[in-house]
Amino acid sequence: MVAVLNRLLGALGRTLITVGTIVLLFAGYQLWGTGVDEANHQEQLTRDLATSLGVDAAPSMSATAIDAAIQRKLEAIDPATAPPMLPPREADVVGTISIPRIGLLDKKFVEGVSKADLRAGPGHYQGTSFPGQAGNSAIAGHRTTYGAPFNRIDELSPGDQIIVSTRQGRFVYEVVASPENTRTGEAGDRWGDAWYTVTPDNVAPIQATPDNRLTLTACHPKYSAKLRIVVTAKLVAEPAATTPTTAAPEQEAKGTPNTVASDEDLIAGDPDELEPALAWGGAFAGLFLVAATVAGVLRRKTTKAFLPWLVYLVVAAPCAWLLWTCFVHVDRYLPSY
């Protein structure tokens, strides 16, 4: 009886250790693994933008070289004479955003702020003005996952520059002080010199305005979706020609016009990802259990101590791949910050 109890307790202990390890690995994936996903998206967006601008993006060219060519091309465009942009489709690359003060340089941003869009980089709120044009242009980004492009926007100060480049040229914005009427709660927690916070259901910061501004939003505080942090910057030159904030013809045909998205889109998960997450997780668990069983049998039946470890070594790569794929789907299922 004691022997059986010891075996059960041993099995329970090993199970808890395994589960704990997987949870820690998933936390690591969220913080660093998603950055790999974002980097891959950014490289593809770089090549897509280069192609749309007629810039050489040969497979042999590095992303850095292509980036430099893109910036030269965009800086050569005169916003005063540039024609209106065509309305992009959701997930299309719109341009680049740089915030030198916090080390964000030439990050590609896309159209849309759904979780799928923000996996690729910052996203332009559909229905708001486009950067460089008249009105309020709003862009959202993550602070802790998927490259965390807006991780340090709470460090911005009035006068800091935000540079946005689109097919209409290069536009410079200057960060402005947070309005006095938004400075509620504790300084440094709820507001700063150049930022303030709102509740997730407050979409006032991204509504149309008579002045020409850029509004950045992200979750606040870090690792939480309790609030939204807001940074506002003013355009320092005349705006470019206006692009109608209507859907592209393909979208109109589907009956999905561009409208200002709910800020909840920043973190919303995809319920359709639960089934593949469970399937890949089950495949990992099955393979791991088979390996553990075989290793246990070898441990009892042979004196060659290396054989059980050899079993684990053989399945290490496929187990890692299955677990990584499971993490990808779990992350897409869960809200993100």
Protein backbone atom coordinates (compact mmCIF):
# COMPACT_ATOMS: atom_id res chain seq x y z
CA MET A 1 0.00 0.00 0.00
CA VAL A 2 2.80 2.39 0.92
CA ALA A 3 4.62 1.54 -2.29
CA VAL A 4 1.51 2.31 -4.37
CA LEU A 5 1.02 5.60 -2.55
CA ASN A 6 4.64 6.53 -3.13
CA ARG A 7 4.29 5.81 -6.83
CA LEU A 8 1.12 7.91 -7.04
CA LEU A 9 2.74 10.81 -5.20
CA GLY A 10 5.81 10.53 -7.42
CA ALA A 11 3.65 10.58 -10.55
CA LEU A 12 1.71 13.58 -9.21
CA GLY A 13 4.94 15.41 -8.43
CA ARG A 14 6.34 14.79 -11.90
CA THR A 15 3.05 15.92 -13.46
CA LEU A 16 3.01 19.16 -11.49
CA ILE A 17 6.64 19.86 -12.37
CA THR A 18 5.90 19.23 -16.06
CA VAL A 19 2.81 21.48 -16.03
CA GLY A 20 4.73 24.20 -14.19
CA THR A 21 7.55 24.00 -16.71
CA ILE A 22 5.11 24.28 -19.62
CA VAL A 23 3.46 27.33 -18.03
CA LEU A 24 6.86 28.99 -17.62
CA LEU A 25 7.76 28.14 -21.21
CA PHE A 26 4.51 29.70 -22.40
CA ALA A 27 5.25 32.86 -20.42
CA GLY A 28 8.64 32.95 -22.15
CA TYR A 29 6.96 32.47 -25.51
CA GLN A 30 4.62 35.39 -24.81
CA LEU A 31 7.47 37.71 -23.90
CA TRP A 32 10.07 36.62 -26.47
CA GLY A 33 8.61 34.06 -28.84
CA THR A 34 5.95 36.46 -30.09
CA GLY A 35 8.78 38.82 -30.98
CA VAL A 36 10.06 36.23 -33.44
CA ASP A 37 6.61 36.12 -35.04
CA GLU A 38 6.49 39.92 -35.25
CA ALA A 39 9.99 40.09 -36.73
CA ASN A 40 8.99 37.67 -39.49
CA HIS A 41 5.90 39.75 -40.23
CA GLN A 42 7.99 42.93 -40.28
CA GLU A 43 10.40 41.45 -42.82
CA GLN A 44 7.51 40.50 -45.09
CA LEU A 45 5.89 43.94 -44.66
CA THR A 46 9.22 45.55 -45.58
CA ARG A 47 9.32 43.61 -48.83
CA ASP A 48 5.63 44.33 -49.52
CA LEU A 49 6.17 48.07 -49.03
CA ALA A 50 9.27 48.00 -51.21
CA THR A 51 7.39 46.25 -53.99
CA SER A 52 4.53 48.76 -53.85
CA LEU A 53 7.04 51.63 -54.10
CA GLY A 54 9.00 50.08 -56.96
CA VAL A 55 12.05 49.55 -54.75
CA ASP A 56 14.29 46.55 -55.42
CA ALA A 57 13.53 43.85 -52.87
CA ALA A 58 15.44 40.89 -54.27
CA PRO A 59 15.60 37.84 -51.98
CA SER A 60 19.37 38.30 -51.77
CA MET A 61 18.99 41.78 -50.27
CA SER A 62 18.88 42.17 -46.51
CA ALA A 63 15.92 43.78 -44.78
CA THR A 64 18.25 46.56 -43.60
CA ALA A 65 19.28 47.43 -47.15
CA ILE A 66 15.69 47.36 -48.35
CA ASP A 67 14.67 49.56 -45.40
CA ALA A 68 17.26 52.15 -46.32
CA ALA A 69 16.07 52.21 -49.93
CA ILE A 70 12.46 52.55 -48.78
CA GLN A 71 13.28 55.54 -46.57
CA ARG A 72 15.17 57.27 -49.39
CA LYS A 73 12.18 56.74 -51.68
CA LEU A 74 9.63 58.05 -49.16
CA GLU A 75 11.75 61.06 -48.14
CA ALA A 76 12.00 62.08 -51.80
CA ILE A 77 8.21 62.43 -52.05
CA ASP A 78 6.85 65.97 -51.67
CA PRO A 79 3.70 65.80 -49.48
CA ALA A 80 2.45 69.04 -51.02
CA THR A 81 2.14 67.48 -54.46
CA ALA A 82 1.62 63.82 -53.56
CA PRO A 83 -1.75 62.46 -54.70
CA PRO A 84 -4.16 60.90 -52.18
CA MET A 85 -3.34 57.34 -51.19
CA LEU A 86 -5.64 54.54 -52.20
CA PRO A 87 -7.55 53.25 -49.15
CA PRO A 88 -5.62 50.18 -47.95
CA ARG A 89 -7.24 46.90 -47.09
CA GLU A 90 -7.04 45.51 -43.59
CA ALA A 91 -3.58 44.11 -42.75
CA ASP A 92 -1.96 45.95 -45.68
CA VAL A 93 1.23 47.84 -44.86
CA VAL A 94 0.55 51.60 -44.70
CA GLY A 95 3.97 53.04 -43.88
CA THR A 96 6.67 53.33 -41.23
CA ILE A 97 6.74 54.95 -37.81
CA SER A 98 9.81 56.08 -35.88
CA ILE A 99 10.05 57.49 -32.35
CA PRO A 100 13.77 58.24 -31.84
CA ARG A 101 13.33 59.15 -28.16
CA ILE A 102 12.42 55.55 -27.29
CA GLY A 103 14.50 53.75 -29.90
CA LEU A 104 11.65 52.82 -32.26
CA LEU A 105 13.01 53.12 -35.80
CA ASP A 106 11.24 52.53 -39.11
CA LYS A 107 8.70 50.08 -37.72
CA LYS A 108 6.17 49.11 -40.38
CA PHE A 109 2.53 49.66 -39.42
CA VAL A 110 -0.54 48.11 -40.97
CA GLU A 111 -4.17 48.93 -41.54
CA GLY A 112 -6.39 47.66 -38.71
CA VAL A 113 -6.11 47.03 -34.98
CA SER A 114 -7.44 43.51 -34.57
CA LYS A 115 -5.21 41.10 -32.68
CA ALA A 116 -4.20 39.50 -35.98
CA ASP A 117 -3.20 42.91 -37.37
CA LEU A 118 -1.18 43.88 -34.29
CA ARG A 119 0.83 40.65 -34.47
CA ALA A 120 2.55 42.19 -37.48
CA GLY A 121 3.25 45.60 -35.91
CA PRO A 122 1.45 48.79 -34.90
CA GLY A 123 -1.96 49.21 -36.52
CA HIS A 124 -3.84 52.22 -37.89
CA TYR A 125 -7.38 52.56 -36.58
CA GLN A 126 -9.68 52.13 -39.55
CA GLY A 127 -11.98 55.11 -39.91
CA THR A 128 -9.49 57.65 -38.54
CA SER A 129 -7.46 59.97 -40.77
CA PHE A 130 -4.32 58.58 -42.33
CA PRO A 131 -0.96 59.79 -40.98
CA GLY A 132 0.16 63.02 -42.59
CA GLN A 133 -3.37 63.99 -43.54
CA ALA A 134 -5.82 66.43 -41.96
CA GLY A 135 -7.56 65.35 -38.76
CA ASN A 136 -6.83 62.79 -36.08
CA SER A 137 -4.83 59.75 -37.16
CA ALA A 138 -4.73 57.01 -34.54
CA ILE A 139 -2.27 54.11 -34.26
CA ALA A 140 -2.28 51.29 -31.69
CA GLY A 141 0.53 49.00 -30.64
CA HIS A 142 1.55 46.42 -28.05
CA ARG A 143 3.70 47.21 -25.02
CA THR A 144 4.79 43.74 -23.90
CA THR A 145 4.35 41.21 -26.72
CA TYR A 146 4.91 40.99 -30.49
CA GLY A 147 7.99 43.17 -30.49
CA ALA A 148 6.44 45.59 -27.96
CA PRO A 149 6.76 48.61 -30.30
CA PHE A 150 5.04 50.97 -27.83
CA ASN A 151 6.72 49.55 -24.73
CA ARG A 152 8.25 52.88 -23.69
CA ILE A 153 5.75 55.48 -24.86
CA ASP A 154 5.24 56.50 -21.24
CA GLU A 155 8.80 57.89 -21.41
CA LEU A 156 7.91 60.47 -24.06
CA SER A 157 8.05 64.18 -23.23
CA PRO A 158 6.44 67.21 -24.86
CA GLY A 159 8.43 68.19 -27.95
CA ASP A 160 9.68 64.69 -28.75
CA GLN A 161 9.33 63.79 -32.42
CA ILE A 162 7.26 61.02 -33.99
CA ILE A 163 8.10 60.51 -37.65
CA VAL A 164 5.67 58.75 -39.92
CA SER A 165 6.35 57.96 -43.58
CA THR A 166 3.69 56.88 -46.05
CA ARG A 167 3.34 56.85 -49.83
CA GLN A 168 2.66 60.59 -49.50
CA GLY A 169 6.04 61.36 -47.96
CA ARG A 170 7.63 61.93 -44.57
CA PHE A 171 5.69 63.65 -41.78
CA VAL A 172 6.99 64.94 -38.47
CA TYR A 173 4.79 65.18 -35.39
CA GLU A 174 5.72 66.73 -32.06
CA VAL A 175 4.41 65.24 -28.83
CA VAL A 176 2.23 67.65 -26.84
CA ALA A 177 1.60 67.88 -23.11
CA SER A 178 -1.24 65.82 -21.71
CA PRO A 179 -4.36 68.00 -21.24
CA GLU A 180 -4.94 69.22 -17.69
CA ASN A 181 -8.42 67.72 -17.63
CA THR A 182 -6.98 64.22 -18.25
CA ARG A 183 -4.57 64.35 -15.31
CA THR A 184 -6.66 62.41 -12.84
CA GLY A 185 -5.33 59.89 -10.37
CA GLU A 186 -1.73 59.42 -9.39
CA ALA A 187 1.01 61.02 -11.51
CA GLY A 188 3.26 58.39 -13.09
CA ASP A 189 0.53 55.80 -12.70
CA ARG A 190 -2.49 57.33 -14.43
CA TRP A 191 -0.85 60.21 -16.30
CA GLY A 192 2.47 61.86 -17.17
CA ASP A 193 3.71 65.05 -18.81
CA ALA A 194 2.99 63.67 -22.29
CA TRP A 195 0.48 60.86 -21.71
CA TYR A 196 -2.75 60.05 -19.95
CA THR A 197 -4.97 57.02 -19.51
CA VAL A 198 -8.59 56.19 -20.26
CA THR A 199 -10.79 53.16 -19.68
CA PRO A 200 -10.97 50.62 -22.52
CA ASP A 201 -14.51 51.69 -23.48
CA ASN A 202 -13.52 55.35 -23.88
CA VAL A 203 -12.95 55.96 -27.61
CA ALA A 204 -12.85 59.77 -27.33
CA PRO A 205 -9.07 59.93 -28.00
CA ILE A 206 -9.48 58.44 -31.48
CA GLN A 207 -12.49 60.49 -32.56
CA ALA A 208 -12.22 63.13 -35.31
CA THR A 209 -10.65 66.46 -34.34
CA PRO A 210 -10.38 69.86 -36.09
CA ASP A 211 -6.58 69.94 -35.71
CA ASN A 212 -4.03 67.69 -37.38
CA ARG A 213 -2.73 65.19 -34.86
CA LEU A 214 -1.41 61.69 -34.33
CA THR A 215 -2.76 59.65 -31.42
CA LEU A 216 -0.93 56.59 -30.11
CA THR A 217 -2.71 54.09 -27.86
CA ALA A 218 -1.66 50.93 -26.03
CA CYS A 219 -2.61 48.88 -22.99
CA HIS A 220 -1.71 50.22 -19.54
CA PRO A 221 -0.12 49.36 -17.23
CA LYS A 222 2.31 46.92 -18.79
CA TYR A 223 1.16 43.28 -18.62
CA SER A 224 -2.41 44.48 -18.07
CA ALA A 225 -5.40 45.63 -20.10
CA LYS A 226 -6.99 47.59 -17.27
CA LEU A 227 -6.51 50.97 -18.99
CA ARG A 228 -5.34 52.51 -22.24
CA ILE A 229 -2.37 54.87 -22.40
CA VAL A 230 -2.74 57.75 -24.85
CA VAL A 231 -0.04 59.97 -26.38
CA THR A 232 -0.95 62.87 -28.66
CA ALA A 233 1.32 64.65 -31.15
CA LYS A 234 0.68 67.56 -33.54
CA LEU A 235 1.63 67.68 -37.22
CA VAL A 236 4.29 70.38 -37.68
CA ALA A 237 3.67 71.02 -41.39
CA GLU A 238 0.75 71.28 -43.76
CA PRO A 239 -1.18 68.03 -44.26
CA ALA A 240 -1.11 66.03 -47.46
CA ALA A 241 -4.10 65.36 -49.69
CA THR A 242 -6.86 63.50 -47.89
CA THR A 243 -7.70 59.86 -48.55
CA PRO A 244 -11.37 59.00 -47.98
CA THR A 245 -11.61 56.78 -44.88
CA THR A 246 -13.88 54.37 -46.69
CA ALA A 247 -13.24 50.73 -47.40
CA ALA A 248 -11.40 49.55 -50.46
CA PRO A 249 -13.70 48.20 -53.21
CA GLU A 250 -13.03 44.60 -52.15
CA GLN A 251 -14.16 45.39 -48.61
CA GLU A 252 -17.23 47.30 -49.73
CA ALA A 253 -18.31 44.32 -51.78
CA LYS A 254 -18.17 42.21 -48.64
CA GLY A 255 -20.25 44.72 -46.71
CA THR A 256 -17.46 45.51 -44.21
CA PRO A 257 -16.87 49.25 -44.46
CA ASN A 258 -14.11 50.96 -42.49
CA THR A 259 -15.38 52.23 -39.17
CA VAL A 260 -13.56 53.25 -36.03
CA ALA A 261 -12.83 49.98 -34.30
CA SER A 262 -13.63 49.34 -30.69
CA ASP A 263 -10.54 49.65 -28.52
CA GLU A 264 -11.26 46.13 -27.26
CA ASP A 265 -9.88 44.92 -30.58
CA LEU A 266 -6.45 45.65 -29.13
CA ILE A 267 -6.59 42.60 -26.91
CA ALA A 268 -9.46 40.42 -28.17
CA GLY A 269 -8.60 36.77 -28.66
CA ASP A 270 -9.88 34.49 -31.43
CA PRO A 271 -12.23 31.77 -30.10
CA ASP A 272 -11.63 29.73 -33.27
CA GLU A 273 -8.06 29.14 -32.10
CA LEU A 274 -9.09 27.02 -29.10
CA GLU A 275 -9.67 23.84 -31.10
CA PRO A 276 -6.26 23.82 -32.86
CA ALA A 277 -4.58 24.79 -29.58
CA LEU A 278 -6.09 21.74 -27.87
CA ALA A 279 -5.24 19.52 -30.83
CA TRP A 280 -1.57 20.53 -30.93
CA GLY A 281 -1.36 20.40 -27.15
CA GLY A 282 -2.85 16.91 -27.19
CA ALA A 283 -0.34 15.80 -29.82
CA PHE A 284 2.50 17.10 -27.66
CA ALA A 285 1.13 15.41 -24.54
CA GLY A 286 0.65 12.13 -26.41
CA LEU A 287 4.17 12.07 -27.79
CA PHE A 288 5.67 13.06 -24.45
CA LEU A 289 3.73 10.34 -22.60
CA VAL A 290 4.80 7.71 -25.14
CA ALA A 291 8.42 8.76 -24.71
CA ALA A 292 8.10 8.75 -20.90
CA THR A 293 6.54 5.27 -20.99
CA VAL A 294 9.24 3.84 -23.25
CA ALA A 295 11.97 5.47 -21.15
CA GLY A 296 10.40 4.02 -17.99
CA VAL A 297 10.34 0.52 -19.45
CA LEU A 298 13.98 0.81 -20.56
CA ARG A 299 14.96 2.07 -17.12
CA ARG A 300 13.54 -1.09 -15.55
CA LYS A 301 14.62 -3.58 -18.22
CA THR A 302 18.18 -2.51 -19.03
CA THR A 303 21.32 -1.56 -17.19
CA LYS A 304 22.33 0.88 -19.93
CA ALA A 305 21.50 4.18 -18.26
CA PHE A 306 21.88 6.23 -21.46
CA LEU A 307 19.01 4.49 -23.29
CA PRO A 308 16.11 6.26 -21.47
CA TRP A 309 17.80 9.60 -22.10
CA LEU A 310 18.30 8.67 -25.73
CA VAL A 311 14.53 8.26 -26.06
CA TYR A 312 13.98 11.80 -24.76
CA LEU A 313 16.70 13.10 -27.07
CA VAL A 314 15.02 11.54 -30.11
CA VAL A 315 11.64 13.14 -29.37
CA ALA A 316 13.01 16.49 -28.16
CA ALA A 317 12.82 18.25 -31.54
CA PRO A 318 9.30 17.06 -32.51
CA CYS A 319 8.05 17.78 -28.98
CA ALA A 320 9.49 21.29 -29.12
CA TRP A 321 7.84 21.89 -32.49
CA LEU A 322 4.46 20.60 -31.30
CA LEU A 323 4.64 22.69 -28.13
CA TRP A 324 5.67 25.83 -30.04
CA THR A 325 2.75 25.38 -32.45
CA CYS A 326 0.41 24.85 -29.51
CA PHE A 327 1.70 28.07 -27.91
CA VAL A 328 1.06 29.97 -31.16
CA HIS A 329 -2.60 28.95 -31.15
CA VAL A 330 -3.03 29.45 -27.39
CA ASP A 331 -1.63 32.96 -27.70
CA ARG A 332 -4.04 33.74 -30.52
CA TYR A 333 -6.91 32.41 -28.41
CA LEU A 334 -6.06 34.46 -25.33
CA PRO A 335 -6.24 38.27 -25.03
CA SER A 336 -2.88 40.00 -25.47
CA TYR A 337 -1.32 43.16 -24.13
